[in-house]
Amino acid sequence: MKKSEIRQLIREEIKDYYKWGDEFQRFAEKKLRKMKFNGWNFTVDPRSGTFEFDNKEDTYVFATPAWDGMPYIPIDVYTRDDDDKPYYSNKVSLKGYEDFDKAFKYYLKVIKKVLDKIGK
């Protein structure tokens, strides 16, 4: 296989994942808007599309699945006192979760664990 063919395959795979990520974010957003999170509010930033959770105690969790078309959930936790640097940051893989229902269950498990840990 030529290098150009390999590059083309990679570009197609990335393009497919961006599409999957966008569709999954819309799917997850609809479900999350109907849910309660033990004192945490869920919102989506209207400009960036970032999934945000806040607990009205100056703590914010940003956790948008497949952000920028990448196969993971980036999790960044900030307080009002944190300028531009989160006090906690991690990435959780979404590989192997192509089915929307399975991916959402996994996302929910991860985000609830993070919110519960911070809330204590």
PDB file of N, CA and C in Angstrom:
ATOM      1  N   MET A   1       0.846  -1.169   0.000  1.00  0.00           N
ATOM      2  CA  MET A   1       0.000   0.000   0.000  1.00  0.00           C
ATOM      3  C   MET A   1       0.895   1.238   0.000  1.00  0.00           C
ATOM      4  N   LYS A   2       0.563   2.203  -0.816  1.00  0.00           N
ATOM      5  CA  LYS A   2       1.337   3.436  -0.925  1.00  0.00           C
ATOM      6  C   LYS A   2       1.040   4.363   0.262  1.00  0.00           C
ATOM      7  N   LYS A   3       2.008   5.249   0.530  1.00  0.00           N
ATOM      8  CA  LYS A   3       1.812   6.219   1.607  1.00  0.00           C
ATOM      9  C   LYS A   3       0.578   7.080   1.373  1.00  0.00           C
ATOM     10  N   SER A   4       0.354   7.457   0.132  1.00  0.00           N
ATOM     11  CA  SER A   4      -0.812   8.304  -0.176  1.00  0.00           C
ATOM     12  C   SER A   4      -2.118   7.567   0.108  1.00  0.00           C
ATOM     13  N   GLU A   5      -2.148   6.260  -0.126  1.00  0.00           N
ATOM     14  CA  GLU A   5      -3.353   5.467   0.157  1.00  0.00           C
ATOM     15  C   GLU A   5      -3.583   5.354   1.664  1.00  0.00           C
ATOM     16  N   ILE A   6      -2.489   5.201   2.391  1.00  0.00           N
ATOM     17  CA  ILE A   6      -2.594   5.123   3.855  1.00  0.00           C
ATOM     18  C   ILE A   6      -3.113   6.446   4.416  1.00  0.00           C
ATOM     19  N   ARG A   7      -2.553   7.559   3.910  1.00  0.00           N
ATOM     20  CA  ARG A   7      -3.021   8.878   4.356  1.00  0.00           C
ATOM     21  C   ARG A   7      -4.498   9.065   4.061  1.00  0.00           C
ATOM     22  N   GLN A   8      -4.933   8.633   2.892  1.00  0.00           N
ATOM     23  CA  GLN A   8      -6.343   8.765   2.524  1.00  0.00           C
ATOM     24  C   GLN A   8      -7.234   7.957   3.465  1.00  0.00           C
ATOM     25  N   LEU A   9      -6.822   6.739   3.803  1.00  0.00           N
ATOM     26  CA  LEU A   9      -7.585   5.916   4.747  1.00  0.00           C
ATOM     27  C   LEU A   9      -7.689   6.590   6.114  1.00  0.00           C
ATOM     28  N   ILE A  10      -6.586   7.165   6.559  1.00  0.00           N
ATOM     29  CA  ILE A  10      -6.587   7.850   7.853  1.00  0.00           C
ATOM     30  C   ILE A  10      -7.517   9.054   7.811  1.00  0.00           C
ATOM     31  N   ARG A  11      -7.467   9.841   6.732  1.00  0.00           N
ATOM     32  CA  ARG A  11      -8.355  11.008   6.606  1.00  0.00           C
ATOM     33  C   ARG A  11      -9.824  10.588   6.630  1.00  0.00           C
ATOM     34  N   GLU A  12     -10.138   9.496   5.954  1.00  0.00           N
ATOM     35  CA  GLU A  12     -11.524   9.008   5.925  1.00  0.00           C
ATOM     36  C   GLU A  12     -11.967   8.552   7.307  1.00  0.00           C
ATOM     37  N   GLU A  13     -11.070   7.865   8.024  1.00  0.00           N
ATOM     38  CA  GLU A  13     -11.418   7.398   9.366  1.00  0.00           C
ATOM     39  C   GLU A  13     -11.658   8.579  10.304  1.00  0.00           C
ATOM     40  N   ILE A  14     -10.806   9.596  10.223  1.00  0.00           N
ATOM     41  CA  ILE A  14     -10.973  10.784  11.053  1.00  0.00           C
ATOM     42  C   ILE A  14     -12.288  11.489  10.713  1.00  0.00           C
ATOM     43  N   LYS A  15     -12.572  11.625   9.435  1.00  0.00           N
ATOM     44  CA  LYS A  15     -13.815  12.259   8.984  1.00  0.00           C
ATOM     45  C   LYS A  15     -15.022  11.496   9.511  1.00  0.00           C
ATOM     46  N   ASP A  16     -14.989  10.162   9.449  1.00  0.00           N
ATOM     47  CA  ASP A  16     -16.077   9.339   9.959  1.00  0.00           C
ATOM     48  C   ASP A  16     -16.242   9.528  11.463  1.00  0.00           C
ATOM     49  N   TYR A  17     -15.125   9.637  12.194  1.00  0.00           N
ATOM     50  CA  TYR A  17     -15.235   9.788  13.632  1.00  0.00           C
ATOM     51  C   TYR A  17     -15.781  11.158  14.002  1.00  0.00           C
ATOM     52  N   TYR A  18     -15.390  12.201  13.256  1.00  0.00           N
ATOM     53  CA  TYR A  18     -15.976  13.523  13.490  1.00  0.00           C
ATOM     54  C   TYR A  18     -17.490  13.468  13.330  1.00  0.00           C
ATOM     55  N   LYS A  19     -17.948  12.810  12.283  1.00  0.00           N
ATOM     56  CA  LYS A  19     -19.391  12.685  12.040  1.00  0.00           C
ATOM     57  C   LYS A  19     -20.047  11.921  13.190  1.00  0.00           C
ATOM     58  N   TRP A  20     -19.449  10.789  13.593  1.00  0.00           N
ATOM     59  CA  TRP A  20     -19.979  10.008  14.705  1.00  0.00           C
ATOM     60  C   TRP A  20     -20.025  10.868  15.965  1.00  0.00           C
ATOM     61  N   GLY A  21     -18.941  11.614  16.226  1.00  0.00           N
ATOM     62  CA  GLY A  21     -18.873  12.448  17.423  1.00  0.00           C
ATOM     63  C   GLY A  21     -19.958  13.507  17.449  1.00  0.00           C
ATOM     64  N   ASP A  22     -20.166  14.183  16.332  1.00  0.00           N
ATOM     65  CA  ASP A  22     -21.221  15.204  16.263  1.00  0.00           C
ATOM     66  C   ASP A  22     -22.600  14.602  16.509  1.00  0.00           C
ATOM     67  N   GLU A  23     -22.864  13.477  15.867  1.00  0.00           N
ATOM     68  CA  GLU A  23     -24.168  12.822  16.031  1.00  0.00           C
ATOM     69  C   GLU A  23     -24.349  12.312  17.455  1.00  0.00           C
ATOM     70  N   PHE A  24     -23.293  11.754  18.031  1.00  0.00           N
ATOM     71  CA  PHE A  24     -23.390  11.245  19.392  1.00  0.00           C
ATOM     72  C   PHE A  24     -23.602  12.390  20.384  1.00  0.00           C
ATOM     73  N   GLN A  25     -22.936  13.513  20.180  1.00  0.00           N
ATOM     74  CA  GLN A  25     -23.132  14.645  21.075  1.00  0.00           C
ATOM     75  C   GLN A  25     -24.585  15.109  21.069  1.00  0.00           C
ATOM     76  N   ARG A  26     -25.200  15.182  19.917  1.00  0.00           N
ATOM     77  CA  ARG A  26     -26.625  15.575  19.841  1.00  0.00           C
ATOM     78  C   ARG A  26     -27.502  14.541  20.550  1.00  0.00           C
ATOM     79  N   PHE A  27     -27.210  13.252  20.342  1.00  0.00           N
ATOM     80  CA  PHE A  27     -27.943  12.164  20.986  1.00  0.00           C
ATOM     81  C   PHE A  27     -27.825  12.281  22.515  1.00  0.00           C
ATOM     82  N   ALA A  28     -26.592  12.446  23.008  1.00  0.00           N
ATOM     83  CA  ALA A  28     -26.351  12.521  24.451  1.00  0.00           C
ATOM     84  C   ALA A  28     -26.972  13.771  25.058  1.00  0.00           C
ATOM     85  N   GLU A  29     -26.868  14.892  24.356  1.00  0.00           N
ATOM     86  CA  GLU A  29     -27.423  16.144  24.872  1.00  0.00           C
ATOM     87  C   GLU A  29     -28.924  16.017  25.131  1.00  0.00           C
ATOM     88  N   LYS A  30     -29.653  15.429  24.204  1.00  0.00           N
ATOM     89  CA  LYS A  30     -31.106  15.260  24.384  1.00  0.00           C
ATOM     90  C   LYS A  30     -31.407  14.444  25.640  1.00  0.00           C
ATOM     91  N   LYS A  31     -30.650  13.384  25.853  1.00  0.00           N
ATOM     92  CA  LYS A  31     -30.876  12.540  27.026  1.00  0.00           C
ATOM     93  C   LYS A  31     -30.470  13.250  28.319  1.00  0.00           C
ATOM     94  N   LEU A  32     -29.328  13.931  28.304  1.00  0.00           N
ATOM     95  CA  LEU A  32     -28.825  14.585  29.504  1.00  0.00           C
ATOM     96  C   LEU A  32     -29.731  15.722  29.968  1.00  0.00           C
ATOM     97  N   ARG A  33     -30.355  16.413  29.034  1.00  0.00           N
ATOM     98  CA  ARG A  33     -31.242  17.535  29.391  1.00  0.00           C
ATOM     99  C   ARG A  33     -32.440  17.071  30.228  1.00  0.00           C
ATOM    100  N   LYS A  34     -32.782  15.806  30.144  1.00  0.00           N
ATOM    101  CA  LYS A  34     -33.935  15.264  30.878  1.00  0.00           C
ATOM    102  C   LYS A  34     -33.535  14.659  32.229  1.00  0.00           C
ATOM    103  N   MET A  35     -32.247  14.692  32.566  1.00  0.00           N
ATOM    104  CA  MET A  35     -31.764  13.993  33.749  1.00  0.00           C
ATOM    105  C   MET A  35     -31.414  14.949  34.881  1.00  0.00           C
ATOM    106  N   LYS A  36     -31.357  14.394  36.087  1.00  0.00           N
ATOM    107  CA  LYS A  36     -30.932  15.119  37.282  1.00  0.00           C
ATOM    108  C   LYS A  36     -29.608  14.514  37.750  1.00  0.00           C
ATOM    109  N   PHE A  37     -28.751  15.359  38.338  1.00  0.00           N
ATOM    110  CA  PHE A  37     -27.414  14.912  38.735  1.00  0.00           C
ATOM    111  C   PHE A  37     -27.050  15.321  40.161  1.00  0.00           C
ATOM    112  N   ASN A  38     -27.896  15.034  41.129  1.00  0.00           N
ATOM    113  CA  ASN A  38     -27.612  15.303  42.546  1.00  0.00           C
ATOM    114  C   ASN A  38     -27.015  16.682  42.806  1.00  0.00           C
ATOM    115  N   GLY A  39     -27.737  17.719  42.411  1.00  0.00           N
ATOM    116  CA  GLY A  39     -27.286  19.076  42.676  1.00  0.00           C
ATOM    117  C   GLY A  39     -26.424  19.698  41.586  1.00  0.00           C
ATOM    118  N   TRP A  40     -26.104  18.948  40.571  1.00  0.00           N
ATOM    119  CA  TRP A  40     -25.328  19.473  39.457  1.00  0.00           C
ATOM    120  C   TRP A  40     -26.281  19.871  38.328  1.00  0.00           C
ATOM    121  N   ASN A  41     -26.012  21.011  37.709  1.00  0.00           N
ATOM    122  CA  ASN A  41     -26.796  21.468  36.560  1.00  0.00           C
ATOM    123  C   ASN A  41     -26.049  21.128  35.277  1.00  0.00           C
ATOM    124  N   PHE A  42     -26.779  20.658  34.281  1.00  0.00           N
ATOM    125  CA  PHE A  42     -26.189  20.364  32.980  1.00  0.00           C
ATOM    126  C   PHE A  42     -26.584  21.458  31.993  1.00  0.00           C
ATOM    127  N   THR A  43     -25.600  21.997  31.289  1.00  0.00           N
ATOM    128  CA  THR A  43     -25.864  22.960  30.224  1.00  0.00           C
ATOM    129  C   THR A  43     -24.907  22.687  29.064  1.00  0.00           C
ATOM    130  N   VAL A  44     -25.247  23.253  27.922  1.00  0.00           N
ATOM    131  CA  VAL A  44     -24.368  23.194  26.756  1.00  0.00           C
ATOM    132  C   VAL A  44     -24.086  24.629  26.351  1.00  0.00           C
ATOM    133  N   ASP A  45     -22.820  24.968  26.278  1.00  0.00           N
ATOM    134  CA  ASP A  45     -22.454  26.321  25.875  1.00  0.00           C
ATOM    135  C   ASP A  45     -22.958  26.564  24.456  1.00  0.00           C
ATOM    136  N   PRO A  46     -23.757  27.618  24.242  1.00  0.00           N
ATOM    137  CA  PRO A  46     -24.347  27.840  22.919  1.00  0.00           C
ATOM    138  C   PRO A  46     -23.339  28.165  21.824  1.00  0.00           C
ATOM    139  N   ARG A  47     -22.185  28.684  22.198  1.00  0.00           N
ATOM    140  CA  ARG A  47     -21.181  29.012  21.175  1.00  0.00           C
ATOM    141  C   ARG A  47     -20.245  27.859  20.870  1.00  0.00           C
ATOM    142  N   SER A  48     -19.739  27.213  21.906  1.00  0.00           N
ATOM    143  CA  SER A  48     -18.730  26.171  21.688  1.00  0.00           C
ATOM    144  C   SER A  48     -19.315  24.767  21.607  1.00  0.00           C
ATOM    145  N   GLY A  49     -20.507  24.564  22.201  1.00  0.00           N
ATOM    146  CA  GLY A  49     -21.089  23.223  22.241  1.00  0.00           C
ATOM    147  C   GLY A  49     -20.544  22.361  23.370  1.00  0.00           C
ATOM    148  N   THR A  50     -19.774  22.972  24.273  1.00  0.00           N
ATOM    149  CA  THR A  50     -19.177  22.250  25.386  1.00  0.00           C
ATOM    150  C   THR A  50     -20.242  21.799  26.383  1.00  0.00           C
ATOM    151  N   PHE A  51     -20.145  20.537  26.812  1.00  0.00           N
ATOM    152  CA  PHE A  51     -21.028  20.018  27.860  1.00  0.00           C
ATOM    153  C   PHE A  51     -20.464  20.483  29.196  1.00  0.00           C
ATOM    154  N   GLU A  52     -21.299  21.163  29.986  1.00  0.00           N
ATOM    155  CA  GLU A  52     -20.854  21.726  31.255  1.00  0.00           C
ATOM    156  C   GLU A  52     -21.770  21.273  32.393  1.00  0.00           C
ATOM    157  N   PHE A  53     -21.148  20.970  33.510  1.00  0.00           N
ATOM    158  CA  PHE A  53     -21.872  20.642  34.731  1.00  0.00           C
ATOM    159  C   PHE A  53     -21.372  21.609  35.802  1.00  0.00           C
ATOM    160  N   ASP A  54     -22.296  22.224  36.559  1.00  0.00           N
ATOM    161  CA  ASP A  54     -21.877  23.085  37.659  1.00  0.00           C
ATOM    162  C   ASP A  54     -22.737  22.767  38.870  1.00  0.00           C
ATOM    163  N   ASN A  55     -22.153  22.968  40.050  1.00  0.00           N
ATOM    164  CA  ASN A  55     -22.861  22.615  41.280  1.00  0.00           C
ATOM    165  C   ASN A  55     -23.234  23.823  42.128  1.00  0.00           C
ATOM    166  N   LYS A  56     -23.202  25.014  41.551  1.00  0.00           N
ATOM    167  CA  LYS A  56     -23.545  26.261  42.243  1.00  0.00           C
ATOM    168  C   LYS A  56     -22.617  26.540  43.421  1.00  0.00           C
ATOM    169  N   GLU A  57     -21.556  25.793  43.555  1.00  0.00           N
ATOM    170  CA  GLU A  57     -20.562  26.026  44.606  1.00  0.00           C
ATOM    171  C   GLU A  57     -19.223  26.374  43.973  1.00  0.00           C
ATOM    172  N   ASP A  58     -19.287  26.988  42.818  1.00  0.00           N
ATOM    173  CA  ASP A  58     -18.085  27.438  42.113  1.00  0.00           C
ATOM    174  C   ASP A  58     -17.235  26.317  41.531  1.00  0.00           C
ATOM    175  N   THR A  59     -17.814  25.174  41.293  1.00  0.00           N
ATOM    176  CA  THR A  59     -17.085  24.086  40.642  1.00  0.00           C
ATOM    177  C   THR A  59     -17.753  23.778  39.313  1.00  0.00           C
ATOM    178  N   TYR A  60     -16.923  23.644  38.289  1.00  0.00           N
ATOM    179  CA  TYR A  60     -17.410  23.395  36.935  1.00  0.00           C
ATOM    180  C   TYR A  60     -16.693  22.195  36.345  1.00  0.00           C
ATOM    181  N   VAL A  61     -17.458  21.319  35.710  1.00  0.00           N
ATOM    182  CA  VAL A  61     -16.889  20.153  35.035  1.00  0.00           C
ATOM    183  C   VAL A  61     -17.238  20.261  33.558  1.00  0.00           C
ATOM    184  N   PHE A  62     -16.230  20.223  32.725  1.00  0.00           N
ATOM    185  CA  PHE A  62     -16.418  20.231  31.273  1.00  0.00           C
ATOM    186  C   PHE A  62     -16.116  18.817  30.791  1.00  0.00           C
ATOM    187  N   ALA A  63     -17.093  18.184  30.151  1.00  0.00           N
ATOM    188  CA  ALA A  63     -16.930  16.787  29.729  1.00  0.00           C
ATOM    189  C   ALA A  63     -17.770  16.525  28.474  1.00  0.00           C
ATOM    190  N   THR A  64     -17.251  16.923  27.336  1.00  0.00           N
ATOM    191  CA  THR A  64     -17.964  16.757  26.071  1.00  0.00           C
ATOM    192  C   THR A  64     -17.454  15.515  25.367  1.00  0.00           C
ATOM    193  N   PRO A  65     -18.299  14.493  25.201  1.00  0.00           N
ATOM    194  CA  PRO A  65     -17.837  13.266  24.554  1.00  0.00           C
ATOM    195  C   PRO A  65     -17.434  13.519  23.103  1.00  0.00           C
ATOM    196  N   ALA A  66     -16.344  12.885  22.691  1.00  0.00           N
ATOM    197  CA  ALA A  66     -15.830  12.978  21.316  1.00  0.00           C
ATOM    198  C   ALA A  66     -15.534  14.416  20.908  1.00  0.00           C
ATOM    199  N   TRP A  67     -15.057  15.213  21.857  1.00  0.00           N
ATOM    200  CA  TRP A  67     -14.718  16.613  21.585  1.00  0.00           C
ATOM    201  C   TRP A  67     -13.673  16.685  20.477  1.00  0.00           C
ATOM    202  N   ASP A  68     -13.885  17.548  19.532  1.00  0.00           N
ATOM    203  CA  ASP A  68     -12.995  17.723  18.379  1.00  0.00           C
ATOM    204  C   ASP A  68     -12.807  16.430  17.582  1.00  0.00           C
ATOM    205  N   GLY A  69     -13.810  15.562  17.624  1.00  0.00           N
ATOM    206  CA  GLY A  69     -13.754  14.337  16.833  1.00  0.00           C
ATOM    207  C   GLY A  69     -12.809  13.287  17.361  1.00  0.00           C
ATOM    208  N   MET A  70     -12.364  13.433  18.597  1.00  0.00           N
ATOM    209  CA  MET A  70     -11.420  12.476  19.165  1.00  0.00           C
ATOM    210  C   MET A  70     -12.174  11.379  19.926  1.00  0.00           C
ATOM    211  N   PRO A  71     -11.651  10.148  19.913  1.00  0.00           N
ATOM    212  CA  PRO A  71     -12.355   9.016  20.538  1.00  0.00           C
ATOM    213  C   PRO A  71     -12.183   8.932  22.055  1.00  0.00           C
ATOM    214  N   TYR A  72     -12.477  10.021  22.744  1.00  0.00           N
ATOM    215  CA  TYR A  72     -12.391  10.011  24.195  1.00  0.00           C
ATOM    216  C   TYR A  72     -13.304  11.083  24.785  1.00  0.00           C
ATOM    217  N   ILE A  73     -13.417  11.044  26.107  1.00  0.00           N
ATOM    218  CA  ILE A  73     -14.159  12.062  26.852  1.00  0.00           C
ATOM    219  C   ILE A  73     -13.109  12.897  27.587  1.00  0.00           C
ATOM    220  N   PRO A  74     -12.886  14.134  27.171  1.00  0.00           N
ATOM    221  CA  PRO A  74     -11.982  14.981  27.949  1.00  0.00           C
ATOM    222  C   PRO A  74     -12.731  15.514  29.172  1.00  0.00           C
ATOM    223  N   ILE A  75     -12.131  15.379  30.328  1.00  0.00           N
ATOM    224  CA  ILE A  75     -12.769  15.838  31.563  1.00  0.00           C
ATOM    225  C   ILE A  75     -11.854  16.883  32.198  1.00  0.00           C
ATOM    226  N   ASP A  76     -12.382  18.094  32.344  1.00  0.00           N
ATOM    227  CA  ASP A  76     -11.637  19.177  32.985  1.00  0.00           C
ATOM    228  C   ASP A  76     -12.500  19.762  34.088  1.00  0.00           C
ATOM    229  N   VAL A  77     -11.918  19.888  35.280  1.00  0.00           N
ATOM    230  CA  VAL A  77     -12.634  20.413  36.437  1.00  0.00           C
ATOM    231  C   VAL A  77     -11.976  21.723  36.865  1.00  0.00           C
ATOM    232  N   TYR A  78     -12.806  22.761  36.997  1.00  0.00           N
ATOM    233  CA  TYR A  78     -12.344  24.085  37.380  1.00  0.00           C
ATOM    234  C   TYR A  78     -13.128  24.576  38.589  1.00  0.00           C
ATOM    235  N   THR A  79     -12.516  25.466  39.328  1.00  0.00           N
ATOM    236  CA  THR A  79     -13.235  26.252  40.325  1.00  0.00           C
ATOM    237  C   THR A  79     -13.118  27.705  39.893  1.00  0.00           C
ATOM    238  N   ARG A  80     -13.898  28.575  40.514  1.00  0.00           N
ATOM    239  CA  ARG A  80     -13.818  30.000  40.160  1.00  0.00           C
ATOM    240  C   ARG A  80     -12.410  30.554  40.382  1.00  0.00           C
ATOM    241  N   ASP A  81     -11.700  29.976  41.318  1.00  0.00           N
ATOM    242  CA  ASP A  81     -10.360  30.459  41.634  1.00  0.00           C
ATOM    243  C   ASP A  81      -9.311  30.035  40.601  1.00  0.00           C
ATOM    244  N   ASP A  82      -9.615  29.005  39.807  1.00  0.00           N
ATOM    245  CA  ASP A  82      -8.678  28.553  38.778  1.00  0.00           C
ATOM    246  C   ASP A  82      -8.776  29.496  37.593  1.00  0.00           C
ATOM    247  N   ASP A  83      -7.673  30.078  37.230  1.00  0.00           N
ATOM    248  CA  ASP A  83      -7.701  31.003  36.100  1.00  0.00           C
ATOM    249  C   ASP A  83      -7.940  30.243  34.805  1.00  0.00           C
ATOM    250  N   ASP A  84      -6.901  29.794  34.193  1.00  0.00           N
ATOM    251  CA  ASP A  84      -7.048  29.086  32.923  1.00  0.00           C
ATOM    252  C   ASP A  84      -6.631  27.631  33.013  1.00  0.00           C
ATOM    253  N   LYS A  85      -6.265  27.185  34.194  1.00  0.00           N
ATOM    254  CA  LYS A  85      -5.758  25.822  34.339  1.00  0.00           C
ATOM    255  C   LYS A  85      -6.682  25.009  35.245  1.00  0.00           C
ATOM    256  N   PRO A  86      -7.176  23.859  34.758  1.00  0.00           N
ATOM    257  CA  PRO A  86      -8.055  23.038  35.607  1.00  0.00           C
ATOM    258  C   PRO A  86      -7.276  22.428  36.769  1.00  0.00           C
ATOM    259  N   TYR A  87      -7.976  22.189  37.880  1.00  0.00           N
ATOM    260  CA  TYR A  87      -7.301  21.516  38.981  1.00  0.00           C
ATOM    261  C   TYR A  87      -7.348  20.003  38.804  1.00  0.00           C
ATOM    262  N   TYR A  88      -8.152  19.526  37.857  1.00  0.00           N
ATOM    263  CA  TYR A  88      -8.168  18.108  37.502  1.00  0.00           C
ATOM    264  C   TYR A  88      -8.424  18.012  36.003  1.00  0.00           C
ATOM    265  N   SER A  89      -7.678  17.154  35.334  1.00  0.00           N
ATOM    266  CA  SER A  89      -7.862  16.973  33.901  1.00  0.00           C
ATOM    267  C   SER A  89      -7.541  15.523  33.549  1.00  0.00           C
ATOM    268  N   ASN A  90      -8.372  14.933  32.692  1.00  0.00           N
ATOM    269  CA  ASN A  90      -8.173  13.534  32.311  1.00  0.00           C
ATOM    270  C   ASN A  90      -8.875  13.286  30.983  1.00  0.00           C
ATOM    271  N   LYS A  91      -8.522  12.187  30.342  1.00  0.00           N
ATOM    272  CA  LYS A  91      -9.198  11.752  29.122  1.00  0.00           C
ATOM    273  C   LYS A  91      -9.573  10.293  29.299  1.00  0.00           C
ATOM    274  N   VAL A  92     -10.839   9.982  29.016  1.00  0.00           N
ATOM    275  CA  VAL A  92     -11.340   8.615  29.134  1.00  0.00           C
ATOM    276  C   VAL A  92     -11.698   8.123  27.731  1.00  0.00           C
ATOM    277  N   SER A  93     -11.157   6.994  27.342  1.00  0.00           N
ATOM    278  CA  SER A  93     -11.341   6.475  25.987  1.00  0.00           C
ATOM    279  C   SER A  93     -12.786   6.068  25.703  1.00  0.00           C
ATOM    280  N   LEU A  94     -13.214   6.350  24.481  1.00  0.00           N
ATOM    281  CA  LEU A  94     -14.518   5.898  23.992  1.00  0.00           C
ATOM    282  C   LEU A  94     -14.356   4.786  22.944  1.00  0.00           C
ATOM    283  N   LYS A  95     -13.140   4.333  22.735  1.00  0.00           N
ATOM    284  CA  LYS A  95     -12.925   3.293  21.730  1.00  0.00           C
ATOM    285  C   LYS A  95     -13.677   2.032  22.129  1.00  0.00           C
ATOM    286  N   GLY A  96     -14.328   1.432  21.157  1.00  0.00           N
ATOM    287  CA  GLY A  96     -15.112   0.233  21.409  1.00  0.00           C
ATOM    288  C   GLY A  96     -16.565   0.522  21.747  1.00  0.00           C
ATOM    289  N   TYR A  97     -16.930   1.806  21.751  1.00  0.00           N
ATOM    290  CA  TYR A  97     -18.294   2.199  22.089  1.00  0.00           C
ATOM    291  C   TYR A  97     -18.959   2.911  20.910  1.00  0.00           C
ATOM    292  N   GLU A  98     -18.971   2.284  19.753  1.00  0.00           N
ATOM    293  CA  GLU A  98     -19.545   2.915  18.564  1.00  0.00           C
ATOM    294  C   GLU A  98     -21.067   2.994  18.609  1.00  0.00           C
ATOM    295  N   ASP A  99     -21.710   2.054  19.284  1.00  0.00           N
ATOM    296  CA  ASP A  99     -23.163   2.056  19.439  1.00  0.00           C
ATOM    297  C   ASP A  99     -23.550   3.201  20.385  1.00  0.00           C
ATOM    298  N   PHE A 100     -24.469   4.070  19.951  1.00  0.00           N
ATOM    299  CA  PHE A 100     -24.852   5.239  20.741  1.00  0.00           C
ATOM    300  C   PHE A 100     -25.357   4.869  22.135  1.00  0.00           C
ATOM    301  N   ASP A 101     -26.218   3.866  22.245  1.00  0.00           N
ATOM    302  CA  ASP A 101     -26.762   3.504  23.557  1.00  0.00           C
ATOM    303  C   ASP A 101     -25.663   3.028  24.503  1.00  0.00           C
ATOM    304  N   LYS A 102     -24.764   2.193  24.011  1.00  0.00           N
ATOM    305  CA  LYS A 102     -23.663   1.704  24.851  1.00  0.00           C
ATOM    306  C   LYS A 102     -22.709   2.841  25.209  1.00  0.00           C
ATOM    307  N   ALA A 103     -22.424   3.700  24.236  1.00  0.00           N
ATOM    308  CA  ALA A 103     -21.535   4.834  24.492  1.00  0.00           C
ATOM    309  C   ALA A 103     -22.146   5.768  25.535  1.00  0.00           C
ATOM    310  N   PHE A 104     -23.461   5.994  25.442  1.00  0.00           N
ATOM    311  CA  PHE A 104     -24.110   6.886  26.399  1.00  0.00           C
ATOM    312  C   PHE A 104     -24.096   6.284  27.802  1.00  0.00           C
ATOM    313  N   LYS A 105     -24.370   5.001  27.925  1.00  0.00           N
ATOM    314  CA  LYS A 105     -24.329   4.350  29.244  1.00  0.00           C
ATOM    315  C   LYS A 105     -22.940   4.479  29.860  1.00  0.00           C
ATOM    316  N   TYR A 106     -21.918   4.292  29.034  1.00  0.00           N
ATOM    317  CA  TYR A 106     -20.539   4.408  29.523  1.00  0.00           C
ATOM    318  C   TYR A 106     -20.236   5.861  29.922  1.00  0.00           C
ATOM    319  N   TYR A 107     -20.620   6.805  29.078  1.00  0.00           N
ATOM    320  CA  TYR A 107     -20.415   8.228  29.377  1.00  0.00           C
ATOM    321  C   TYR A 107     -21.095   8.580  30.702  1.00  0.00           C
ATOM    322  N   LEU A 108     -22.327   8.156  30.862  1.00  0.00           N
ATOM    323  CA  LEU A 108     -23.082   8.439  32.073  1.00  0.00           C
ATOM    324  C   LEU A 108     -22.390   7.848  33.307  1.00  0.00           C
ATOM    325  N   LYS A 109     -21.892   6.643  33.190  1.00  0.00           N
ATOM    326  CA  LYS A 109     -21.167   5.996  34.290  1.00  0.00           C
ATOM    327  C   LYS A 109     -19.940   6.826  34.677  1.00  0.00           C
ATOM    328  N   VAL A 110     -19.193   7.267  33.668  1.00  0.00           N
ATOM    329  CA  VAL A 110     -17.983   8.059  33.916  1.00  0.00           C
ATOM    330  C   VAL A 110     -18.340   9.397  34.548  1.00  0.00           C
ATOM    331  N   ILE A 111     -19.294  10.113  33.975  1.00  0.00           N
ATOM    332  CA  ILE A 111     -19.598  11.457  34.464  1.00  0.00           C
ATOM    333  C   ILE A 111     -20.214  11.410  35.866  1.00  0.00           C
ATOM    334  N   LYS A 112     -21.064  10.432  36.131  1.00  0.00           N
ATOM    335  CA  LYS A 112     -21.639  10.319  37.479  1.00  0.00           C
ATOM    336  C   LYS A 112     -20.552  10.041  38.511  1.00  0.00           C
ATOM    337  N   LYS A 113     -19.593   9.209  38.153  1.00  0.00           N
ATOM    338  CA  LYS A 113     -18.486   8.905  39.066  1.00  0.00           C
ATOM    339  C   LYS A 113     -17.681  10.165  39.376  1.00  0.00           C
ATOM    340  N   VAL A 114     -17.404  10.947  38.343  1.00  0.00           N
ATOM    341  CA  VAL A 114     -16.647  12.199  38.526  1.00  0.00           C
ATOM    342  C   VAL A 114     -17.445  13.169  39.395  1.00  0.00           C
ATOM    343  N   LEU A 115     -18.709  13.381  39.065  1.00  0.00           N
ATOM    344  CA  LEU A 115     -19.535  14.337  39.826  1.00  0.00           C
ATOM    345  C   LEU A 115     -19.709  13.908  41.268  1.00  0.00           C
ATOM    346  N   ASP A 116     -19.915  12.605  41.499  1.00  0.00           N
ATOM    347  CA  ASP A 116     -20.062  12.114  42.868  1.00  0.00           C
ATOM    348  C   ASP A 116     -18.782  12.322  43.668  1.00  0.00           C
ATOM    349  N   LYS A 117     -17.651  12.055  43.034  1.00  0.00           N
ATOM    350  CA  LYS A 117     -16.367  12.205  43.739  1.00  0.00           C
ATOM    351  C   LYS A 117     -16.099  13.664  44.102  1.00  0.00           C
ATOM    352  N   ILE A 118     -16.402  14.569  43.198  1.00  0.00           N
ATOM    353  CA  ILE A 118     -16.182  15.997  43.441  1.00  0.00           C
ATOM    354  C   ILE A 118     -17.181  16.523  44.463  1.00  0.00           C
ATOM    355  N   GLY A 119     -18.401  16.033  44.396  1.00  0.00           N
ATOM    356  CA  GLY A 119     -19.474  16.510  45.269  1.00  0.00           C
ATOM    357  C   GLY A 119     -19.286  16.173  46.728  1.00  0.00           C
ATOM    358  N   LYS A 120     -18.376  15.264  47.027  1.00  0.00           N
ATOM    359  CA  LYS A 120     -18.174  14.839  48.426  1.00  0.00           C
ATOM    360  C   LYS A 120     -17.190  15.719  49.140  1.00  0.00           C
TER     361      LYS A 120
END
